[in-house]
């Protein structure tokens, strides 16, 4: 599976930018989405498919960006350095 989205100027160019929440949570529309415990001691980070940075102009987008349905396991090097 993969995710794609159309990034438009309004997602990045706004007067008020919302802070990154870092509040990972289950997706209320998808039963059985992963939980933090799935990643604990796995050696993998919770990697965003759609980056939180692309949602700083939208409070709802910022929250949805931290749904576990938007996460994929990523190696720490890829998630923390390469990106």
PDB file of N, CA and C in Angstrom:
ATOM      1  N   UNK A   1       0.830  -1.189   0.000  1.00  0.00           N
ATOM      2  CA  UNK A   1       0.000   0.000   0.000  1.00  0.00           C
ATOM      3  C   UNK A   1       0.872   1.248   0.000  1.00  0.00           C
ATOM      4  N   UNK A   2       0.325   2.307  -0.519  1.00  0.00           N
ATOM      5  CA  UNK A   2       1.025   3.587  -0.497  1.00  0.00           C
ATOM      6  C   UNK A   2       0.012   4.706  -0.307  1.00  0.00           C
ATOM      7  N   UNK A   3       0.532   5.861   0.007  1.00  0.00           N
ATOM      8  CA  UNK A   3      -0.298   7.036   0.233  1.00  0.00           C
ATOM      9  C   UNK A   3       0.215   8.139  -0.669  1.00  0.00           C
ATOM     10  N   UNK A   4      -0.702   8.914  -1.223  1.00  0.00           N
ATOM     11  CA  UNK A   4      -0.302  10.106  -1.961  1.00  0.00           C
ATOM     12  C   UNK A   4      -1.280  11.223  -1.613  1.00  0.00           C
ATOM     13  N   UNK A   5      -0.843  12.442  -1.798  1.00  0.00           N
ATOM     14  CA  UNK A   5      -1.696  13.584  -1.534  1.00  0.00           C
ATOM     15  C   UNK A   5      -1.232  14.731  -2.409  1.00  0.00           C
ATOM     16  N   UNK A   6      -2.132  15.637  -2.662  1.00  0.00           N
ATOM     17  CA  UNK A   6      -1.809  16.844  -3.411  1.00  0.00           C
ATOM     18  C   UNK A   6      -1.508  17.938  -2.406  1.00  0.00           C
ATOM     19  N   UNK A   7      -0.290  18.411  -2.418  1.00  0.00           N
ATOM     20  CA  UNK A   7       0.122  19.482  -1.521  1.00  0.00           C
ATOM     21  C   UNK A   7      -0.147  20.810  -2.228  1.00  0.00           C
ATOM     22  N   UNK A   8      -0.987  21.624  -1.617  1.00  0.00           N
ATOM     23  CA  UNK A   8      -1.347  22.905  -2.213  1.00  0.00           C
ATOM     24  C   UNK A   8      -0.787  24.034  -1.353  1.00  0.00           C
ATOM     25  N   UNK A   9      -0.560  25.213  -1.941  1.00  0.00           N
ATOM     26  CA  UNK A   9       0.045  26.321  -1.183  1.00  0.00           C
ATOM     27  C   UNK A   9      -0.676  26.633   0.124  1.00  0.00           C
ATOM     28  N   UNK A  10      -1.998  26.502   0.158  1.00  0.00           N
ATOM     29  CA  UNK A  10      -2.750  26.817   1.363  1.00  0.00           C
ATOM     30  C   UNK A  10      -2.411  25.923   2.552  1.00  0.00           C
ATOM     31  N   UNK A  11      -1.798  24.772   2.284  1.00  0.00           N
ATOM     32  CA  UNK A  11      -1.408  23.889   3.378  1.00  0.00           C
ATOM     33  C   UNK A  11      -0.148  24.384   4.075  1.00  0.00           C
ATOM     34  N   UNK A  12       0.618  25.230   3.427  1.00  0.00           N
ATOM     35  CA  UNK A  12       1.876  25.695   3.987  1.00  0.00           C
ATOM     36  C   UNK A  12       1.936  27.199   4.207  1.00  0.00           C
ATOM     37  N   UNK A  13       1.187  27.935   3.392  1.00  0.00           N
ATOM     38  CA  UNK A  13       1.231  29.397   3.451  1.00  0.00           C
ATOM     39  C   UNK A  13      -0.025  29.921   4.134  1.00  0.00           C
ATOM     40  N   UNK A  14       0.100  30.222   5.417  1.00  0.00           N
ATOM     41  CA  UNK A  14      -1.033  30.716   6.180  1.00  0.00           C
ATOM     42  C   UNK A  14      -0.530  31.680   7.245  1.00  0.00           C
ATOM     43  N   UNK A  15      -1.444  32.398   7.855  1.00  0.00           N
ATOM     44  CA  UNK A  15      -1.074  33.357   8.891  1.00  0.00           C
ATOM     45  C   UNK A  15      -0.807  32.704  10.233  1.00  0.00           C
ATOM     46  N   UNK A  16      -1.486  31.600  10.508  1.00  0.00           N
ATOM     47  CA  UNK A  16      -1.308  30.918  11.786  1.00  0.00           C
ATOM     48  C   UNK A  16      -0.882  29.482  11.533  1.00  0.00           C
ATOM     49  N   UNK A  17       0.251  29.108  12.104  1.00  0.00           N
ATOM     50  CA  UNK A  17       0.738  27.736  11.998  1.00  0.00           C
ATOM     51  C   UNK A  17       0.486  27.023  13.327  1.00  0.00           C
ATOM     52  N   UNK A  18      -0.077  25.834  13.237  1.00  0.00           N
ATOM     53  CA  UNK A  18      -0.350  25.045  14.426  1.00  0.00           C
ATOM     54  C   UNK A  18       0.874  24.222  14.795  1.00  0.00           C
ATOM     55  N   UNK A  19       1.143  24.143  16.076  1.00  0.00           N
ATOM     56  CA  UNK A  19       2.292  23.387  16.559  1.00  0.00           C
ATOM     57  C   UNK A  19       2.082  21.893  16.338  1.00  0.00           C
ATOM     58  N   UNK A  20       3.177  21.211  16.127  1.00  0.00           N
ATOM     59  CA  UNK A  20       3.165  19.760  15.992  1.00  0.00           C
ATOM     60  C   UNK A  20       2.649  19.160  17.295  1.00  0.00           C
ATOM     61  N   UNK A  21       1.682  18.250  17.195  1.00  0.00           N
ATOM     62  CA  UNK A  21       1.069  17.702  18.408  1.00  0.00           C
ATOM     63  C   UNK A  21       1.847  16.540  19.011  1.00  0.00           C
ATOM     64  N   UNK A  22       2.445  15.717  18.160  1.00  0.00           N
ATOM     65  CA  UNK A  22       3.140  14.502  18.607  1.00  0.00           C
ATOM     66  C   UNK A  22       2.229  13.586  19.407  1.00  0.00           C
ATOM     67  N   UNK A  23       0.931  13.708  19.220  1.00  0.00           N
ATOM     68  CA  UNK A  23      -0.029  12.870  19.934  1.00  0.00           C
ATOM     69  C   UNK A  23      -0.514  11.758  19.007  1.00  0.00           C
ATOM     70  N   UNK A  24       0.195  10.659  19.032  1.00  0.00           N
ATOM     71  CA  UNK A  24      -0.159   9.500  18.216  1.00  0.00           C
ATOM     72  C   UNK A  24      -1.413   8.849  18.788  1.00  0.00           C
ATOM     73  N   UNK A  25      -2.352   8.512  17.919  1.00  0.00           N
ATOM     74  CA  UNK A  25      -3.618   7.952  18.377  1.00  0.00           C
ATOM     75  C   UNK A  25      -4.232   7.059  17.309  1.00  0.00           C
ATOM     76  N   UNK A  26      -5.142   6.207  17.732  1.00  0.00           N
ATOM     77  CA  UNK A  26      -5.851   5.337  16.788  1.00  0.00           C
ATOM     78  C   UNK A  26      -6.738   6.184  15.887  1.00  0.00           C
ATOM     79  N   UNK A  27      -6.930   5.736  14.675  1.00  0.00           N
ATOM     80  CA  UNK A  27      -7.816   6.412  13.726  1.00  0.00           C
ATOM     81  C   UNK A  27      -9.250   6.035  14.078  1.00  0.00           C
ATOM     82  N   UNK A  28     -10.096   7.005  14.424  1.00  0.00           N
ATOM     83  CA  UNK A  28     -11.461   6.674  14.840  1.00  0.00           C
ATOM     84  C   UNK A  28     -12.313   6.058  13.728  1.00  0.00           C
ATOM     85  N   UNK A  29     -11.879   6.203  12.476  1.00  0.00           N
ATOM     86  CA  UNK A  29     -12.649   5.655  11.356  1.00  0.00           C
ATOM     87  C   UNK A  29     -12.190   4.265  10.919  1.00  0.00           C
ATOM     88  N   UNK A  30     -11.096   3.775  11.525  1.00  0.00           N
ATOM     89  CA  UNK A  30     -10.558   2.473  11.127  1.00  0.00           C
ATOM     90  C   UNK A  30     -10.341   1.623  12.377  1.00  0.00           C
ATOM     91  N   UNK A  31     -11.111   0.573  12.523  1.00  0.00           N
ATOM     92  CA  UNK A  31     -10.951  -0.332  13.658  1.00  0.00           C
ATOM     93  C   UNK A  31      -9.627  -1.072  13.575  1.00  0.00           C
ATOM     94  N   UNK A  32      -9.000  -1.246  14.716  1.00  0.00           N
ATOM     95  CA  UNK A  32      -7.785  -2.048  14.789  1.00  0.00           C
ATOM     96  C   UNK A  32      -6.527  -1.373  14.314  1.00  0.00           C
ATOM     97  N   UNK A  33      -6.536  -0.040  14.217  1.00  0.00           N
ATOM     98  CA  UNK A  33      -5.288   0.619  13.832  1.00  0.00           C
ATOM     99  C   UNK A  33      -4.264   0.403  14.936  1.00  0.00           C
ATOM    100  N   UNK A  34      -3.012   0.437  14.546  1.00  0.00           N
ATOM    101  CA  UNK A  34      -1.913   0.111  15.460  1.00  0.00           C
ATOM    102  C   UNK A  34      -1.889   1.028  16.676  1.00  0.00           C
ATOM    103  N   UNK A  35      -1.251   0.568  17.710  1.00  0.00           N
ATOM    104  CA  UNK A  35      -1.070   1.350  18.925  1.00  0.00           C
ATOM    105  C   UNK A  35       0.413   1.505  19.212  1.00  0.00           C
ATOM    106  N   UNK A  36       0.749   2.411  20.100  1.00  0.00           N
ATOM    107  CA  UNK A  36       2.158   2.625  20.452  1.00  0.00           C
ATOM    108  C   UNK A  36       2.848   1.334  20.852  1.00  0.00           C
ATOM    109  N   UNK A  37       2.122   0.449  21.515  1.00  0.00           N
ATOM    110  CA  UNK A  37       2.733  -0.803  21.973  1.00  0.00           C
ATOM    111  C   UNK A  37       3.228  -1.662  20.812  1.00  0.00           C
ATOM    112  N   UNK A  38       2.661  -1.488  19.621  1.00  0.00           N
ATOM    113  CA  UNK A  38       3.130  -2.240  18.461  1.00  0.00           C
ATOM    114  C   UNK A  38       4.545  -1.844  18.069  1.00  0.00           C
ATOM    115  N   UNK A  39       4.949  -0.623  18.392  1.00  0.00           N
ATOM    116  CA  UNK A  39       6.272  -0.132  18.022  1.00  0.00           C
ATOM    117  C   UNK A  39       7.290  -0.282  19.160  1.00  0.00           C
ATOM    118  N   UNK A  40       6.807  -0.385  20.379  1.00  0.00           N
ATOM    119  CA  UNK A  40       7.692  -0.434  21.540  1.00  0.00           C
ATOM    120  C   UNK A  40       8.651  -1.610  21.442  1.00  0.00           C
ATOM    121  N   UNK A  41       9.942  -1.309  21.544  1.00  0.00           N
ATOM    122  CA  UNK A  41      11.025  -2.292  21.488  1.00  0.00           C
ATOM    123  C   UNK A  41      11.080  -3.062  20.167  1.00  0.00           C
ATOM    124  N   UNK A  42      10.500  -2.505  19.121  1.00  0.00           N
ATOM    125  CA  UNK A  42      10.536  -3.165  17.812  1.00  0.00           C
ATOM    126  C   UNK A  42      11.785  -2.774  17.030  1.00  0.00           C
ATOM    127  N   UNK A  43      12.422  -1.660  17.426  1.00  0.00           N
ATOM    128  CA  UNK A  43      13.560  -1.156  16.675  1.00  0.00           C
ATOM    129  C   UNK A  43      13.144  -0.219  15.552  1.00  0.00           C
ATOM    130  N   UNK A  44      11.836   0.010  15.416  1.00  0.00           N
ATOM    131  CA  UNK A  44      11.328   0.882  14.358  1.00  0.00           C
ATOM    132  C   UNK A  44      10.665   2.118  14.948  1.00  0.00           C
ATOM    133  N   UNK A  45      10.734   3.205  14.190  1.00  0.00           N
ATOM    134  CA  UNK A  45      10.022   4.435  14.539  1.00  0.00           C
ATOM    135  C   UNK A  45       8.648   4.427  13.883  1.00  0.00           C
ATOM    136  N   UNK A  46       7.776   5.266  14.398  1.00  0.00           N
ATOM    137  CA  UNK A  46       6.467   5.509  13.788  1.00  0.00           C
ATOM    138  C   UNK A  46       6.683   6.579  12.727  1.00  0.00           C
ATOM    139  N   UNK A  47       6.766   6.176  11.485  1.00  0.00           N
ATOM    140  CA  UNK A  47       7.049   7.109  10.405  1.00  0.00           C
ATOM    141  C   UNK A  47       5.779   7.585   9.728  1.00  0.00           C
ATOM    142  N   UNK A  48       5.663   8.898   9.565  1.00  0.00           N
ATOM    143  CA  UNK A  48       4.500   9.472   8.890  1.00  0.00           C
ATOM    144  C   UNK A  48       4.532   9.150   7.400  1.00  0.00           C
ATOM    145  N   UNK A  49       3.378   8.824   6.844  1.00  0.00           N
ATOM    146  CA  UNK A  49       3.262   8.727   5.396  1.00  0.00           C
ATOM    147  C   UNK A  49       3.028  10.125   4.822  1.00  0.00           C
ATOM    148  N   UNK A  50       2.152  10.883   5.446  1.00  0.00           N
ATOM    149  CA  UNK A  50       1.980  12.298   5.112  1.00  0.00           C
ATOM    150  C   UNK A  50       2.601  13.090   6.255  1.00  0.00           C
ATOM    151  N   UNK A  51       3.608  13.905   5.966  1.00  0.00           N
ATOM    152  CA  UNK A  51       4.338  14.595   7.018  1.00  0.00           C
ATOM    153  C   UNK A  51       3.500  15.601   7.809  1.00  0.00           C
ATOM    154  N   UNK A  52       3.774  15.687   9.092  1.00  0.00           N
ATOM    155  CA  UNK A  52       3.113  16.669   9.945  1.00  0.00           C
ATOM    156  C   UNK A  52       3.424  18.087   9.470  1.00  0.00           C
ATOM    157  N   UNK A  53       4.615  18.299   8.963  1.00  0.00           N
ATOM    158  CA  UNK A  53       5.024  19.625   8.482  1.00  0.00           C
ATOM    159  C   UNK A  53       4.101  20.132   7.378  1.00  0.00           C
ATOM    160  N   UNK A  54       3.503  19.225   6.614  1.00  0.00           N
ATOM    161  CA  UNK A  54       2.604  19.627   5.532  1.00  0.00           C
ATOM    162  C   UNK A  54       1.202  19.968   6.025  1.00  0.00           C
ATOM    163  N   UNK A  55       0.984  19.923   7.332  1.00  0.00           N
ATOM    164  CA  UNK A  55      -0.329  20.200   7.904  1.00  0.00           C
ATOM    165  C   UNK A  55      -0.297  21.285   8.969  1.00  0.00           C
ATOM    166  N   UNK A  56       0.687  22.139   8.943  1.00  0.00           N
ATOM    167  CA  UNK A  56       0.805  23.146  10.002  1.00  0.00           C
ATOM    168  C   UNK A  56      -0.246  24.251   9.919  1.00  0.00           C
ATOM    169  N   UNK A  57      -0.931  24.372   8.786  1.00  0.00           N
ATOM    170  CA  UNK A  57      -1.951  25.411   8.627  1.00  0.00           C
ATOM    171  C   UNK A  57      -3.346  24.916   8.991  1.00  0.00           C
ATOM    172  N   UNK A  58      -3.476  23.669   9.335  1.00  0.00           N
ATOM    173  CA  UNK A  58      -4.794  23.077   9.558  1.00  0.00           C
ATOM    174  C   UNK A  58      -4.780  22.248  10.838  1.00  0.00           C
ATOM    175  N   UNK A  59      -5.530  22.673  11.844  1.00  0.00           N
ATOM    176  CA  UNK A  59      -5.523  21.958  13.127  1.00  0.00           C
ATOM    177  C   UNK A  59      -6.064  20.535  12.978  1.00  0.00           C
ATOM    178  N   UNK A  60      -7.063  20.333  12.141  1.00  0.00           N
ATOM    179  CA  UNK A  60      -7.609  18.987  11.940  1.00  0.00           C
ATOM    180  C   UNK A  60      -6.596  18.115  11.207  1.00  0.00           C
ATOM    181  N   UNK A  61      -5.974  18.672  10.194  1.00  0.00           N
ATOM    182  CA  UNK A  61      -4.938  17.929   9.468  1.00  0.00           C
ATOM    183  C   UNK A  61      -3.788  17.541  10.364  1.00  0.00           C
ATOM    184  N   UNK A  62      -3.427  18.419  11.285  1.00  0.00           N
ATOM    185  CA  UNK A  62      -2.340  18.128  12.225  1.00  0.00           C
ATOM    186  C   UNK A  62      -2.703  16.940  13.121  1.00  0.00           C
ATOM    187  N   UNK A  63      -3.939  16.907  13.601  1.00  0.00           N
ATOM    188  CA  UNK A  63      -4.398  15.787  14.434  1.00  0.00           C
ATOM    189  C   UNK A  63      -4.430  14.504  13.610  1.00  0.00           C
ATOM    190  N   UNK A  64      -5.021  14.564  12.426  1.00  0.00           N
ATOM    191  CA  UNK A  64      -5.149  13.375  11.581  1.00  0.00           C
ATOM    192  C   UNK A  64      -3.798  12.826  11.143  1.00  0.00           C
ATOM    193  N   UNK A  65      -2.823  13.699  11.053  1.00  0.00           N
ATOM    194  CA  UNK A  65      -1.487  13.272  10.651  1.00  0.00           C
ATOM    195  C   UNK A  65      -0.860  12.323  11.672  1.00  0.00           C
ATOM    196  N   UNK A  66      -1.341  12.367  12.899  1.00  0.00           N
ATOM    197  CA  UNK A  66      -0.796  11.512  13.956  1.00  0.00           C
ATOM    198  C   UNK A  66      -1.663  10.278  14.216  1.00  0.00           C
ATOM    199  N   UNK A  67      -2.641  10.014  13.348  1.00  0.00           N
ATOM    200  CA  UNK A  67      -3.389   8.758  13.439  1.00  0.00           C
ATOM    201  C   UNK A  67      -2.446   7.613  13.056  1.00  0.00           C
ATOM    202  N   UNK A  68      -2.581   6.494  13.730  1.00  0.00           N
ATOM    203  CA  UNK A  68      -1.738   5.347  13.408  1.00  0.00           C
ATOM    204  C   UNK A  68      -1.984   4.829  11.992  1.00  0.00           C
ATOM    205  N   UNK A  69      -3.122   5.163  11.402  1.00  0.00           N
ATOM    206  CA  UNK A  69      -3.360   4.778  10.013  1.00  0.00           C
ATOM    207  C   UNK A  69      -2.450   5.547   9.056  1.00  0.00           C
ATOM    208  N   UNK A  70      -1.805   6.606   9.527  1.00  0.00           N
ATOM    209  CA  UNK A  70      -0.855   7.378   8.729  1.00  0.00           C
ATOM    210  C   UNK A  70       0.588   6.988   9.037  1.00  0.00           C
ATOM    211  N   UNK A  71       0.787   5.963   9.830  1.00  0.00           N
ATOM    212  CA  UNK A  71       2.124   5.550  10.240  1.00  0.00           C
ATOM    213  C   UNK A  71       2.564   4.270   9.523  1.00  0.00           C
ATOM    214  N   UNK A  72       3.848   4.193   9.283  1.00  0.00           N
ATOM    215  CA  UNK A  72       4.474   2.966   8.793  1.00  0.00           C
ATOM    216  C   UNK A  72       5.767   2.779   9.578  1.00  0.00           C
ATOM    217  N   UNK A  73       6.158   1.536   9.813  1.00  0.00           N
ATOM    218  CA  UNK A  73       7.432   1.318  10.497  1.00  0.00           C
ATOM    219  C   UNK A  73       8.589   1.838   9.636  1.00  0.00           C
ATOM    220  N   UNK A  74       9.459   2.631  10.243  1.00  0.00           N
ATOM    221  CA  UNK A  74      10.644   3.131   9.566  1.00  0.00           C
ATOM    222  C   UNK A  74      11.853   2.922  10.451  1.00  0.00           C
ATOM    223  N   UNK A  75      12.988   2.641   9.831  1.00  0.00           N
ATOM    224  CA  UNK A  75      14.210   2.540  10.615  1.00  0.00           C
ATOM    225  C   UNK A  75      14.520   3.920  11.190  1.00  0.00           C
ATOM    226  N   UNK A  76      15.129   3.956  12.363  1.00  0.00           N
ATOM    227  CA  UNK A  76      15.459   5.257  12.958  1.00  0.00           C
ATOM    228  C   UNK A  76      16.307   6.124  12.027  1.00  0.00           C
ATOM    229  N   UNK A  77      17.252   5.527  11.314  1.00  0.00           N
ATOM    230  CA  UNK A  77      18.114   6.303  10.410  1.00  0.00           C
ATOM    231  C   UNK A  77      17.283   6.988   9.327  1.00  0.00           C
ATOM    232  N   UNK A  78      16.349   6.254   8.742  1.00  0.00           N
ATOM    233  CA  UNK A  78      15.504   6.850   7.702  1.00  0.00           C
ATOM    234  C   UNK A  78      14.607   7.935   8.290  1.00  0.00           C
ATOM    235  N   UNK A  79      13.969   7.644   9.405  1.00  0.00           N
ATOM    236  CA  UNK A  79      12.990   8.565   9.983  1.00  0.00           C
ATOM    237  C   UNK A  79      13.636   9.816  10.578  1.00  0.00           C
ATOM    238  N   UNK A  80      14.764   9.661  11.225  1.00  0.00           N
ATOM    239  CA  UNK A  80      15.348  10.782  11.971  1.00  0.00           C
ATOM    240  C   UNK A  80      16.437  11.542  11.203  1.00  0.00           C
ATOM    241  N   UNK A  81      17.060  10.885  10.231  1.00  0.00           N
ATOM    242  CA  UNK A  81      18.194  11.517   9.554  1.00  0.00           C
ATOM    243  C   UNK A  81      17.913  11.760   8.072  1.00  0.00           C
ATOM    244  N   UNK A  82      17.583  10.704   7.359  1.00  0.00           N
ATOM    245  CA  UNK A  82      17.435  10.810   5.910  1.00  0.00           C
ATOM    246  C   UNK A  82      16.325  11.757   5.513  1.00  0.00           C
ATOM    247  N   UNK A  83      15.189  11.686   6.195  1.00  0.00           N
ATOM    248  CA  UNK A  83      14.084  12.589   5.867  1.00  0.00           C
ATOM    249  C   UNK A  83      14.464  13.971   6.251  1.00  0.00           C
TER     250      UNK A  83
END
